[in-house]
Amino acid sequence: MPGNESRGYAGPRGPASTADRWWRIALLLLAVLQCSIFWVFPYYPTQDGPSHLHNAAVLANYRSEAVYRQYYILTPFNPAGNLTTQFLLAGLLKIAGPSLAEKVLLTGYVLLFFLSFRYLLKAVVPDDEIFPLFAGLMVSNYFLEMGFWNYIYSVCLMMLMAGYYLRRRGRWTTGALTLFCLAGLILYLTHAVSWIVCVAAVGALGLPRLLSALHTRDRSALLQWAMPVAALAPPAALVLLQFAHPAQVTDIGPVGPVSLREHLWPLYSFSFMHSMGGRLLYAATLEAVFAVLTAAAVIFIWRGSPPRWRAPEVLTASVVCVVMMLVGPDTIGAGLFIHKRLVFCACIFLAAWLAGQNWPAVARNILPALFLGLSIILLAAKIPALALWNQRISDFMAMQDAIRPRSSILWLNLQQLEAGPDPYRDAAGMLAAKSIIDLRNYEATANLFLSRFRPEHMPFPALGTLGDIAGAPPKFDTASYERATHDRADYIVFQGPEAREMRMFPTQLADYLLISTSRDGGLRLYERKPGDLKSPPSPDK
């Protein structure tokens, strides 16, 4: 790694020291402001979040809740990863209610993202207090709103590891390698894609040292490059174990060939930033900022005498992520949106490279204010959508008084939704405090998570395939489910602007009564008629 003089800013730093202190304070306040949306509103709407909440409740209360033991089996370990936030959330549920536990988990993500992003950038430019504010533009992203909690935490861990690697500057000791190896294992157990990105990034970040070692035939330098890469290798055994038992594909259909435009779409659309605050607003803003900054950085570089590319290894890591996106699959088993994830990581490294360039004094005065202002504007743009979804979710939660604890519920959608996160899709999981069984629990159908449906209580395919049930309109068969499992869907929720379910499903709803409707009529709750309900679950069953 080059010294600080090859990566830092040109010119005296004295006059900027006071401004740097103010920008550090601004960074802290921006992080707090980003966290405030989790606490100002009763709910933060995500698509998969309620499902994670439900399964974390199963993990936390498995011994004390007989209904969980009746329907689910817990596996002690999952070689696919996706474990860290399951255990974090389950631990939080031991001391707090579902809503509070979720708020704490999401607050932890935002604070960790700001911390790890700054840690990575400070490894490139130790005296930089400008570009850490860029975190405010990326922390609220598509993956947060989809509820991909393991992945967003894993990105933070990946940035910490990349920053740690840069700070070592090729000086690897036994203790440092051991720590790096353990961190790599934790990263894999959080999310496999970020582990793969980390391995590739470490190889790319050490590329200058590798090329120098090959040129000079310096074996010790070559060993210093190879050792941290090798330290990240142990989770590869878990990858092989996972491929030996492939995950069941749940609610996605066959993946066919795509056009070149579709293949490149995550790259040129910045779809990893599509947000409820305006589906394209976040993406277009970030894309414009990256385009302007990258063009300006290249101009400043070529105007130098001589032209000097700073932190080229960080730019290489960004390019490697893009290449992986171009040549790799978008889906592996039940793992989805791989291309979006890789482009997100590529942009993180691109931001770190931009931070390492020799920006003139005028840019140092403008850029942090620009990042701060845009972050606040984009956050404010989400407020109307957050308010609307909180009203909808509150209407659903108000209906829970009509739902008996430890019963089962099936959520069905009658309308075709636009592409993007659907906070209603797994909303039944928000009833975790009542120990409800979600019959659309996709996590319990694949070996990517710790909870599985017991074979004798598996809703699929007797109730319908998960894809059919999640469709709009859905396809389901309550009578077949009752015959196959001797269970009942105690409650059915229909989502849609019109109450068409009785006309569409007269046979399936013959044994159900409408007992509650949301204020806007968009949700209707049906209960199984009394007289033939299943008996309470037995703890020994």
Protein backbone atom coordinates (compact mmCIF):
# COMPACT_ATOMS: atom_id res chain seq x y z
CA MET A 1 0.00 0.00 0.00
CA PRO A 2 1.26 3.47 -0.79
CA GLY A 3 1.78 5.91 1.99
CA ASN A 4 -0.63 8.58 3.06
CA GLU A 5 1.00 11.13 0.82
CA SER A 6 -0.16 9.21 -2.26
CA ARG A 7 -3.76 9.09 -1.13
CA GLY A 8 -4.40 12.19 0.96
CA TYR A 9 -5.44 15.66 -0.05
CA ALA A 10 -2.99 18.15 -1.48
CA GLY A 11 -2.37 21.45 0.25
CA PRO A 12 -2.28 22.45 3.92
CA ARG A 13 -4.74 20.81 6.28
CA GLY A 14 -4.75 23.41 9.06
CA PRO A 15 -7.66 25.59 7.90
CA ALA A 16 -9.79 22.51 7.27
CA SER A 17 -9.43 21.04 10.76
CA THR A 18 -12.28 23.07 12.27
CA ALA A 19 -14.52 22.25 9.30
CA ASP A 20 -13.64 18.57 9.69
CA ARG A 21 -14.87 18.61 13.28
CA TRP A 22 -18.16 20.10 12.13
CA TRP A 23 -18.53 17.48 9.40
CA ARG A 24 -17.92 14.72 11.97
CA ILE A 25 -20.74 16.17 14.05
CA ALA A 26 -22.90 16.40 10.93
CA LEU A 27 -22.19 12.73 10.19
CA LEU A 28 -23.35 11.73 13.67
CA LEU A 29 -26.50 13.85 13.39
CA LEU A 30 -27.25 12.40 9.94
CA ALA A 31 -26.96 8.86 11.33
CA VAL A 32 -29.34 9.76 14.17
CA LEU A 33 -31.75 11.34 11.68
CA GLN A 34 -31.70 8.18 9.54
CA CYS A 35 -32.47 6.11 12.64
CA SER A 36 -35.30 8.41 13.71
CA ILE A 37 -37.70 7.09 11.05
CA PHE A 38 -37.73 3.74 12.86
CA TRP A 39 -38.88 5.42 16.06
CA VAL A 40 -41.13 8.23 14.82
CA PHE A 41 -43.41 5.77 13.04
CA PRO A 42 -44.96 2.75 14.76
CA TYR A 43 -43.82 0.46 11.93
CA TYR A 44 -41.10 0.43 9.30
CA PRO A 45 -42.69 -1.37 6.32
CA THR A 46 -40.57 -4.05 4.63
CA GLN A 47 -41.46 -7.09 2.55
CA ASP A 48 -39.55 -9.95 4.19
CA GLY A 49 -39.16 -8.29 7.59
CA PRO A 50 -42.39 -9.68 9.09
CA SER A 51 -41.42 -13.19 7.98
CA HIS A 52 -38.03 -12.83 9.68
CA LEU A 53 -39.81 -11.56 12.78
CA HIS A 54 -42.12 -14.57 12.81
CA ASN A 55 -39.30 -17.09 12.43
CA ALA A 56 -37.17 -15.32 15.03
CA ALA A 57 -40.13 -15.66 17.41
CA VAL A 58 -40.20 -19.39 16.63
CA LEU A 59 -36.50 -19.59 17.44
CA ALA A 60 -36.84 -17.53 20.64
CA ASN A 61 -39.98 -19.23 22.01
CA TYR A 62 -39.74 -22.75 20.64
CA ARG A 63 -39.53 -24.38 24.06
CA SER A 64 -42.27 -22.32 25.67
CA GLU A 65 -44.83 -22.34 22.81
CA ALA A 66 -46.35 -25.74 22.06
CA VAL A 67 -47.88 -24.50 18.81
CA TYR A 68 -44.41 -23.80 17.42
CA ARG A 69 -43.25 -27.29 18.32
CA GLN A 70 -46.37 -28.71 16.69
CA TYR A 71 -45.80 -27.02 13.33
CA TYR A 72 -42.02 -26.54 13.11
CA ILE A 73 -38.72 -28.33 13.41
CA LEU A 74 -35.63 -26.31 14.30
CA THR A 75 -32.33 -27.20 12.67
CA PRO A 76 -29.27 -26.50 14.83
CA PHE A 77 -27.16 -25.13 11.96
CA ASN A 78 -27.55 -23.93 8.42
CA PRO A 79 -24.55 -24.18 6.05
CA ALA A 80 -26.10 -21.59 3.72
CA GLY A 81 -25.53 -18.77 6.21
CA ASN A 82 -28.40 -16.34 6.85
CA LEU A 83 -27.95 -16.88 10.57
CA THR A 84 -26.63 -13.75 12.25
CA THR A 85 -29.69 -11.53 12.32
CA GLN A 86 -31.92 -14.53 13.11
CA PHE A 87 -30.03 -15.00 16.37
CA LEU A 88 -29.78 -11.25 17.00
CA LEU A 89 -33.52 -10.79 16.57
CA ALA A 90 -34.35 -13.91 18.60
CA GLY A 91 -32.17 -12.56 21.42
CA LEU A 92 -33.90 -9.19 21.26
CA LEU A 93 -37.29 -10.90 21.41
CA LYS A 94 -36.26 -12.46 24.71
CA ILE A 95 -36.14 -9.01 26.31
CA ALA A 96 -38.48 -6.89 24.15
CA GLY A 97 -41.66 -7.08 22.14
CA PRO A 98 -41.61 -7.69 18.37
CA SER A 99 -42.00 -4.03 17.40
CA LEU A 100 -39.25 -2.81 19.73
CA ALA A 101 -36.92 -5.67 18.75
CA GLU A 102 -37.30 -4.80 15.08
CA LYS A 103 -36.61 -1.11 15.72
CA VAL A 104 -33.44 -1.94 17.64
CA LEU A 105 -32.24 -4.28 14.88
CA LEU A 106 -32.79 -1.69 12.14
CA THR A 107 -31.21 1.06 14.23
CA GLY A 108 -28.19 -1.17 14.69
CA TYR A 109 -27.92 -1.61 10.94
CA VAL A 110 -27.94 2.13 10.21
CA LEU A 111 -25.36 2.92 12.87
CA LEU A 112 -23.16 0.02 11.74
CA PHE A 113 -23.43 1.11 8.09
CA PHE A 114 -22.25 4.65 8.91
CA LEU A 115 -19.46 3.29 11.12
CA SER A 116 -18.21 0.67 8.67
CA PHE A 117 -18.44 3.00 5.66
CA ARG A 118 -16.37 5.60 7.49
CA TYR A 119 -13.91 2.90 8.63
CA LEU A 120 -13.39 1.77 5.03
CA LEU A 121 -12.94 5.31 3.72
CA LYS A 122 -10.55 6.27 6.53
CA ALA A 123 -8.43 3.24 5.57
CA VAL A 124 -8.07 4.82 2.10
CA VAL A 125 -7.73 8.46 3.24
CA PRO A 126 -6.99 8.69 6.97
CA ASP A 127 -7.68 12.44 7.20
CA ASP A 128 -10.92 12.48 5.19
CA GLU A 129 -14.09 13.75 6.88
CA ILE A 130 -15.93 14.62 3.68
CA PHE A 131 -16.91 11.40 1.95
CA PRO A 132 -18.16 9.54 5.06
CA LEU A 133 -21.27 11.72 4.66
CA PHE A 134 -21.85 9.83 1.40
CA ALA A 135 -23.18 7.00 3.59
CA GLY A 136 -26.40 8.95 3.96
CA LEU A 137 -27.10 8.44 0.26
CA MET A 138 -26.69 4.65 0.36
CA VAL A 139 -27.86 3.49 3.77
CA SER A 140 -31.56 3.49 2.81
CA ASN A 141 -31.65 1.11 -0.11
CA TYR A 142 -33.71 -1.57 -1.86
CA PHE A 143 -32.37 -4.32 0.39
CA LEU A 144 -33.44 -2.50 3.55
CA GLU A 145 -36.97 -2.10 2.22
CA MET A 146 -37.12 -5.69 1.03
CA GLY A 147 -36.24 -6.74 4.58
CA PHE A 148 -33.01 -8.52 3.59
CA TRP A 149 -31.64 -8.05 7.07
CA ASN A 150 -28.85 -10.60 6.89
CA TYR A 151 -27.58 -9.10 3.67
CA ILE A 152 -27.55 -5.48 4.83
CA TYR A 153 -25.68 -6.46 7.99
CA SER A 154 -23.25 -8.52 5.92
CA VAL A 155 -22.43 -5.52 3.73
CA CYS A 156 -21.41 -3.62 6.85
CA LEU A 157 -19.20 -6.49 7.96
CA MET A 158 -17.67 -6.69 4.48
CA MET A 159 -16.74 -2.99 4.61
CA LEU A 160 -15.14 -3.46 8.03
CA MET A 161 -13.07 -6.36 6.73
CA ALA A 162 -11.99 -4.48 3.60
CA GLY A 163 -11.00 -1.52 5.77
CA TYR A 164 -9.07 -3.78 8.11
CA TYR A 165 -7.24 -5.34 5.16
CA LEU A 166 -6.20 -1.92 3.85
CA ARG A 167 -4.99 -0.84 7.28
CA ARG A 168 -2.76 -3.91 7.62
CA ARG A 169 -0.85 -2.78 4.48
CA GLY A 170 0.58 -6.22 3.92
CA ARG A 171 1.86 -6.65 7.48
CA TRP A 172 0.09 -9.87 8.45
CA THR A 173 0.82 -11.59 11.73
CA THR A 174 -0.58 -14.83 13.07
CA GLY A 175 -2.98 -12.94 15.34
CA ALA A 176 -4.20 -10.69 12.52
CA LEU A 177 -4.76 -13.66 10.22
CA THR A 178 -6.67 -15.54 12.93
CA LEU A 179 -8.91 -12.52 13.51
CA PHE A 180 -9.43 -12.12 9.76
CA CYS A 181 -10.32 -15.80 9.43
CA LEU A 182 -12.90 -15.63 12.24
CA ALA A 183 -14.36 -12.45 10.76
CA GLY A 184 -14.64 -14.17 7.39
CA LEU A 185 -16.55 -17.05 8.96
CA ILE A 186 -18.95 -14.65 10.69
CA LEU A 187 -19.39 -12.79 7.40
CA TYR A 188 -20.28 -16.00 5.57
CA LEU A 189 -22.73 -17.03 8.28
CA THR A 190 -24.39 -13.65 7.83
CA HIS A 191 -24.62 -13.80 4.02
CA ALA A 192 -22.74 -15.81 1.40
CA VAL A 193 -22.79 -13.13 -1.34
CA SER A 194 -20.94 -10.61 0.82
CA TRP A 195 -18.39 -13.27 1.72
CA ILE A 196 -17.76 -13.92 -1.99
CA VAL A 197 -17.42 -10.17 -2.58
CA CYS A 198 -14.99 -9.93 0.33
CA VAL A 199 -12.78 -12.71 -1.03
CA ALA A 200 -12.73 -11.11 -4.48
CA ALA A 201 -12.14 -7.64 -3.04
CA VAL A 202 -9.24 -8.78 -0.87
CA GLY A 203 -7.63 -10.34 -3.92
CA ALA A 204 -8.16 -7.11 -5.86
CA LEU A 205 -7.01 -4.80 -3.07
CA GLY A 206 -3.77 -6.76 -2.83
CA LEU A 207 -3.26 -6.82 -6.58
CA PRO A 208 -0.49 -4.13 -6.65
CA ARG A 209 1.47 -6.11 -4.05
CA LEU A 210 0.90 -9.33 -6.01
CA LEU A 211 2.10 -7.82 -9.29
CA SER A 212 5.14 -6.34 -7.57
CA ALA A 213 5.94 -9.68 -5.95
CA LEU A 214 5.67 -11.51 -9.26
CA HIS A 215 7.87 -8.92 -10.96
CA THR A 216 10.57 -8.98 -8.30
CA ARG A 217 10.09 -12.65 -7.45
CA ASP A 218 9.71 -11.64 -3.82
CA ARG A 219 8.33 -14.75 -2.14
CA SER A 220 7.70 -13.04 1.18
CA ALA A 221 5.58 -10.35 -0.53
CA LEU A 222 3.71 -13.04 -2.46
CA LEU A 223 3.04 -14.85 0.80
CA GLN A 224 1.71 -11.65 2.39
CA TRP A 225 -0.81 -11.37 -0.46
CA ALA A 226 -1.81 -15.04 -0.35
CA MET A 227 -2.23 -15.44 3.42
CA PRO A 228 -5.27 -13.17 3.95
CA VAL A 229 -6.95 -14.67 0.87
CA ALA A 230 -6.34 -18.15 2.28
CA ALA A 231 -7.66 -17.02 5.69
CA LEU A 232 -11.02 -16.37 4.06
CA ALA A 233 -11.18 -19.80 2.44
CA PRO A 234 -12.62 -22.05 5.22
CA PRO A 235 -16.29 -21.16 4.54
CA ALA A 236 -15.84 -22.69 1.08
CA ALA A 237 -16.43 -26.06 2.77
CA LEU A 238 -19.84 -24.82 3.88
CA VAL A 239 -20.60 -23.73 0.32
CA LEU A 240 -19.90 -27.27 -0.92
CA LEU A 241 -22.06 -28.69 1.87
CA GLN A 242 -24.91 -26.37 0.90
CA PHE A 243 -24.68 -27.32 -2.78
CA ALA A 244 -24.84 -30.96 -1.76
CA HIS A 245 -28.32 -30.23 -0.32
CA PRO A 246 -29.74 -27.56 -2.64
CA ALA A 247 -32.42 -25.28 -1.31
CA GLN A 248 -35.98 -25.80 -2.43
CA VAL A 249 -37.06 -23.02 -4.74
CA THR A 250 -40.08 -21.41 -3.16
CA ASP A 251 -42.03 -18.60 -4.76
CA ILE A 252 -39.97 -17.96 -7.88
CA GLY A 253 -40.66 -19.49 -11.22
CA PRO A 254 -38.23 -20.98 -13.72
CA VAL A 255 -35.50 -18.57 -14.67
CA GLY A 256 -35.23 -18.38 -18.45
CA PRO A 257 -32.78 -16.59 -20.73
CA VAL A 258 -32.75 -12.80 -20.54
CA SER A 259 -31.78 -10.18 -23.07
CA LEU A 260 -28.56 -8.19 -22.79
CA ARG A 261 -30.57 -5.14 -21.74
CA GLU A 262 -32.27 -7.08 -18.94
CA HIS A 263 -28.91 -8.50 -17.88
CA LEU A 264 -27.37 -5.03 -17.64
CA TRP A 265 -30.44 -3.41 -16.06
CA PRO A 266 -29.21 -3.62 -12.42
CA LEU A 267 -26.01 -1.87 -13.53
CA TYR A 268 -27.37 1.05 -15.50
CA SER A 269 -30.62 1.54 -13.55
CA PHE A 270 -29.11 1.51 -10.02
CA SER A 271 -32.09 -0.64 -9.09
CA PHE A 272 -30.44 -1.45 -5.76
CA MET A 273 -31.58 2.03 -4.70
CA HIS A 274 -35.24 1.80 -5.73
CA SER A 275 -37.15 3.18 -2.78
CA MET A 276 -40.64 3.71 -1.44
CA GLY A 277 -39.90 7.44 -1.44
CA GLY A 278 -40.26 7.46 -5.21
CA ARG A 279 -39.21 4.30 -6.99
CA LEU A 280 -36.63 6.07 -9.15
CA LEU A 281 -35.80 9.13 -7.04
CA TYR A 282 -33.07 7.52 -4.94
CA ALA A 283 -31.60 5.64 -7.90
CA ALA A 284 -31.55 8.65 -10.23
CA THR A 285 -30.02 10.89 -7.56
CA LEU A 286 -27.24 8.47 -6.67
CA GLU A 287 -26.54 7.68 -10.33
CA ALA A 288 -26.21 11.40 -11.12
CA VAL A 289 -23.91 11.99 -8.14
CA PHE A 290 -21.65 9.08 -9.10
CA ALA A 291 -21.53 10.19 -12.74
CA VAL A 292 -20.57 13.79 -11.90
CA LEU A 293 -18.02 12.84 -9.24
CA THR A 294 -16.38 10.16 -11.38
CA ALA A 295 -16.10 12.53 -14.35
CA ALA A 296 -14.69 15.27 -12.13
CA ALA A 297 -12.18 12.88 -10.54
CA VAL A 298 -10.92 11.75 -13.95
CA ILE A 299 -10.55 15.39 -15.07
CA PHE A 300 -8.57 16.27 -11.93
CA ILE A 301 -6.38 13.22 -12.42
CA TRP A 302 -5.48 14.03 -16.03
CA ARG A 303 -4.92 17.69 -15.24
CA GLY A 304 -2.27 16.69 -12.74
CA SER A 305 1.38 16.89 -13.64
CA PRO A 306 2.02 14.04 -14.03
CA PRO A 307 -1.45 12.36 -14.04
CA ARG A 308 -1.75 10.34 -10.86
CA TRP A 309 -4.36 7.68 -10.10
CA ARG A 310 -4.75 7.37 -6.35
CA ALA A 311 -5.95 4.20 -4.60
CA PRO A 312 -6.13 2.19 -7.86
CA GLU A 313 -6.58 -1.06 -5.91
CA VAL A 314 -9.92 0.22 -4.51
CA LEU A 315 -11.13 1.04 -8.02
CA THR A 316 -10.03 -2.46 -9.06
CA ALA A 317 -12.23 -3.96 -6.33
CA SER A 318 -15.19 -2.01 -7.74
CA VAL A 319 -14.46 -3.23 -11.27
CA VAL A 320 -14.17 -6.83 -10.03
CA CYS A 321 -17.68 -6.61 -8.53
CA VAL A 322 -19.02 -5.34 -11.86
CA VAL A 323 -17.28 -8.15 -13.76
CA MET A 324 -18.75 -10.72 -11.37
CA MET A 325 -22.17 -9.22 -12.04
CA LEU A 326 -21.67 -9.39 -15.81
CA VAL A 327 -20.50 -13.01 -15.96
CA GLY A 328 -22.29 -14.54 -12.97
CA PRO A 329 -25.89 -15.69 -12.45
CA ASP A 330 -28.59 -13.55 -10.88
CA THR A 331 -30.17 -16.53 -9.10
CA ILE A 332 -28.61 -19.54 -7.39
CA GLY A 333 -31.21 -21.89 -5.92
CA ALA A 334 -33.42 -19.72 -3.72
CA GLY A 335 -30.82 -16.95 -3.61
CA LEU A 336 -32.14 -13.98 -5.59
CA PHE A 337 -31.06 -10.52 -6.78
CA ILE A 338 -27.36 -11.38 -6.88
CA HIS A 339 -26.68 -8.82 -9.61
CA LYS A 340 -28.22 -6.01 -7.56
CA ARG A 341 -26.14 -7.00 -4.57
CA LEU A 342 -22.91 -6.99 -6.60
CA VAL A 343 -23.64 -3.57 -8.12
CA PHE A 344 -24.33 -2.21 -4.62
CA CYS A 345 -20.92 -3.45 -3.44
CA ALA A 346 -19.27 -2.07 -6.59
CA CYS A 347 -20.68 1.39 -5.79
CA ILE A 348 -19.38 1.19 -2.22
CA PHE A 349 -15.84 0.59 -3.48
CA LEU A 350 -16.29 3.28 -6.14
CA ALA A 351 -17.24 5.75 -3.40
CA ALA A 352 -14.11 4.74 -1.46
CA TRP A 353 -11.98 5.32 -4.57
CA LEU A 354 -13.55 8.75 -5.12
CA ALA A 355 -12.72 9.61 -1.51
CA GLY A 356 -9.09 8.83 -2.22
CA GLN A 357 -8.71 11.36 -5.01
CA ASN A 358 -6.99 14.72 -4.58
CA TRP A 359 -10.02 17.01 -4.54
CA PRO A 360 -9.33 20.77 -4.65
CA ALA A 361 -10.27 23.01 -1.75
CA VAL A 362 -13.44 24.29 -3.41
CA ALA A 363 -14.71 20.71 -3.82
CA ARG A 364 -13.88 19.94 -0.20
CA ASN A 365 -16.16 22.77 0.82
CA ILE A 366 -19.03 21.86 -1.53
CA LEU A 367 -19.16 18.06 -1.46
CA PRO A 368 -19.99 17.41 2.22
CA ALA A 369 -22.78 19.98 2.13
CA LEU A 370 -24.09 18.37 -1.06
CA PHE A 371 -24.05 14.87 0.46
CA LEU A 372 -25.72 16.08 3.65
CA GLY A 373 -28.40 18.09 1.83
CA LEU A 374 -29.27 15.31 -0.62
CA SER A 375 -29.46 12.73 2.16
CA ILE A 376 -31.95 14.86 4.11
CA ILE A 377 -34.04 15.55 0.99
CA LEU A 378 -34.21 11.87 0.07
CA LEU A 379 -35.11 10.91 3.61
CA ALA A 380 -37.88 13.50 3.64
CA ALA A 381 -39.18 12.12 0.32
CA LYS A 382 -39.94 8.82 2.08
CA ILE A 383 -42.16 10.37 4.73
CA PRO A 384 -45.46 10.31 2.75
CA ALA A 385 -44.99 6.65 1.75
CA LEU A 386 -44.03 5.72 5.31
CA ALA A 387 -47.11 7.48 6.65
CA LEU A 388 -49.38 5.72 4.15
CA TRP A 389 -48.01 2.27 4.88
CA ASN A 390 -48.15 2.88 8.62
CA GLN A 391 -51.84 3.66 8.28
CA ARG A 392 -52.40 0.44 6.32
CA ILE A 393 -50.38 -1.71 8.71
CA SER A 394 -52.05 -0.10 11.72
CA ASP A 395 -55.43 -1.00 10.20
CA PHE A 396 -54.32 -4.62 9.93
CA MET A 397 -52.89 -4.69 13.44
CA ALA A 398 -56.20 -3.29 14.74
CA MET A 399 -57.86 -6.42 13.36
CA GLN A 400 -55.69 -8.70 15.50
CA ASP A 401 -58.12 -8.40 18.44
CA ALA A 402 -60.42 -10.70 16.46
CA ILE A 403 -57.68 -13.33 16.05
CA ARG A 404 -57.19 -16.00 18.70
CA PRO A 405 -53.63 -16.56 19.95
CA ARG A 406 -51.84 -19.69 18.69
CA SER A 407 -54.05 -20.01 15.64
CA SER A 408 -53.08 -20.27 11.97
CA ILE A 409 -53.55 -17.59 9.33
CA LEU A 410 -53.37 -17.51 5.54
CA TRP A 411 -52.77 -14.20 3.72
CA LEU A 412 -54.04 -13.97 0.12
CA ASN A 413 -53.74 -11.16 -2.40
CA LEU A 414 -56.40 -10.44 -5.05
CA GLN A 415 -54.66 -7.62 -6.90
CA GLN A 416 -51.59 -7.53 -9.12
CA LEU A 417 -49.02 -5.30 -7.48
CA GLU A 418 -46.31 -3.20 -9.08
CA ALA A 419 -42.75 -4.49 -9.00
CA GLY A 420 -40.91 -3.71 -5.80
CA PRO A 421 -41.26 -4.38 -2.08
CA ASP A 422 -44.75 -5.35 -0.89
CA PRO A 423 -45.03 -4.74 2.90
CA TYR A 424 -48.31 -6.67 2.93
CA ARG A 425 -46.89 -9.90 1.50
CA ASP A 426 -45.74 -11.43 4.80
CA ALA A 427 -47.60 -9.08 7.13
CA ALA A 428 -49.04 -12.02 9.09
CA GLY A 429 -45.59 -12.35 10.67
CA MET A 430 -46.21 -9.10 12.54
CA LEU A 431 -48.57 -11.04 14.82
CA ALA A 432 -45.55 -12.70 16.44
CA ALA A 433 -46.69 -11.58 19.92
CA LYS A 434 -49.76 -13.83 19.55
CA SER A 435 -47.72 -16.90 18.46
CA ILE A 436 -49.59 -17.10 15.17
CA ILE A 437 -48.69 -19.75 12.57
CA ASP A 438 -48.19 -18.15 9.16
CA LEU A 439 -49.26 -20.71 6.56
CA ARG A 440 -47.39 -18.76 3.86
CA ASN A 441 -44.12 -18.96 5.76
CA TYR A 442 -41.70 -19.36 2.85
CA GLU A 443 -38.69 -19.53 5.18
CA ALA A 444 -39.95 -22.83 6.57
CA THR A 445 -39.92 -24.44 3.11
CA ALA A 446 -36.23 -24.02 2.19
CA ASN A 447 -32.93 -24.89 3.86
CA LEU A 448 -31.80 -21.28 4.01
CA PHE A 449 -33.22 -20.74 7.50
CA LEU A 450 -33.43 -22.54 10.84
CA SER A 451 -37.15 -23.31 11.01
CA ARG A 452 -38.86 -25.94 8.84
CA PHE A 453 -42.45 -27.11 8.63
CA ARG A 454 -42.94 -30.60 10.03
CA PRO A 455 -43.83 -32.97 7.16
CA GLU A 456 -47.22 -33.78 8.67
CA HIS A 457 -48.10 -30.08 8.91
CA MET A 458 -46.53 -28.86 5.67
CA PRO A 459 -49.11 -26.64 3.91
CA PHE A 460 -47.57 -27.27 0.49
CA PRO A 461 -48.64 -28.66 -1.88
CA ALA A 462 -51.94 -29.68 -0.22
CA LEU A 463 -53.00 -26.07 0.29
CA GLY A 464 -51.38 -25.13 -3.02
CA THR A 465 -47.85 -24.38 -4.15
CA LEU A 466 -46.30 -21.34 -2.56
CA GLY A 467 -46.18 -19.69 -5.96
CA ASP A 468 -49.90 -20.31 -6.51
CA ILE A 469 -50.83 -19.03 -3.06
CA ALA A 470 -48.68 -15.91 -3.49
CA GLY A 471 -50.12 -15.21 -6.94
CA ALA A 472 -52.72 -12.57 -7.79
CA PRO A 473 -55.31 -13.93 -7.89
CA PRO A 474 -54.23 -16.84 -5.69
CA LYS A 475 -54.95 -20.53 -6.11
CA PHE A 476 -55.60 -22.49 -2.93
CA ASP A 477 -57.60 -25.44 -1.62
CA THR A 478 -58.58 -25.37 2.05
CA ALA A 479 -60.45 -28.68 1.88
CA SER A 480 -57.42 -30.51 0.50
CA TYR A 481 -55.25 -28.97 3.22
CA GLU A 482 -57.65 -30.15 5.93
CA ARG A 483 -57.77 -33.69 4.55
CA ALA A 484 -53.99 -33.97 4.17
CA THR A 485 -52.91 -32.49 7.51
CA HIS A 486 -56.03 -32.58 9.74
CA ASP A 487 -55.27 -28.89 10.35
CA ARG A 488 -57.27 -25.79 9.56
CA ALA A 489 -56.51 -22.37 8.22
CA ASP A 490 -58.17 -20.73 11.23
CA TYR A 491 -58.18 -17.32 9.56
CA ILE A 492 -57.85 -16.04 6.01
CA VAL A 493 -56.98 -12.44 5.16
CA PHE A 494 -57.84 -11.16 1.69
CA GLN A 495 -56.00 -8.14 0.38
CA GLY A 496 -57.52 -6.13 -2.44
CA PRO A 497 -59.51 -2.98 -3.16
CA GLU A 498 -62.71 -4.94 -3.89
CA ALA A 499 -64.37 -7.67 -1.86
CA ARG A 500 -64.50 -10.27 -4.65
CA GLU A 501 -63.39 -13.31 -2.72
CA MET A 502 -66.86 -14.78 -2.09
CA ARG A 503 -67.56 -14.72 -5.83
CA MET A 504 -64.11 -16.02 -6.75
CA PHE A 505 -63.79 -18.75 -4.09
CA PRO A 506 -67.29 -19.85 -3.00
CA THR A 507 -66.19 -23.45 -2.36
CA GLN A 508 -63.00 -22.60 -0.47
CA LEU A 509 -64.84 -20.10 1.75
CA ALA A 510 -67.94 -22.19 2.38
CA ASP A 511 -66.82 -22.85 5.97
CA TYR A 512 -65.63 -19.29 6.70
CA LEU A 513 -67.34 -16.16 8.03
CA LEU A 514 -66.31 -12.54 7.45
CA ILE A 515 -65.56 -11.13 10.92
CA SER A 516 -63.56 -7.94 10.33
CA THR A 517 -62.79 -5.37 7.62
CA SER A 518 -60.14 -2.66 7.64
CA ARG A 519 -61.24 0.97 7.62
CA ASP A 520 -60.50 1.43 3.92
CA GLY A 521 -61.98 -1.97 3.02
CA GLY A 522 -58.68 -3.14 1.57
CA LEU A 523 -58.36 -6.06 4.02
CA ARG A 524 -61.03 -8.60 4.99
CA LEU A 525 -60.59 -11.15 7.77
CA TYR A 526 -62.43 -14.47 7.61
CA GLU A 527 -62.66 -17.02 10.43
CA ARG A 528 -63.25 -20.76 10.15
CA LYS A 529 -66.77 -21.54 11.33
CA PRO A 530 -66.95 -23.13 14.80
CA GLY A 531 -67.84 -26.76 15.30
CA ASP A 532 -64.99 -28.48 13.52
CA LEU A 533 -61.91 -26.62 14.67
CA LYS A 534 -58.71 -28.43 15.51
CA SER A 535 -57.98 -29.09 19.15
CA PRO A 536 -55.29 -27.09 20.93
CA PRO A 537 -51.76 -28.29 20.14
CA SER A 538 -50.21 -30.86 22.42
CA PRO A 539 -46.74 -30.09 23.77
CA ASP A 540 -45.77 -33.71 23.12
CA LYS A 541 -46.93 -33.72 19.53
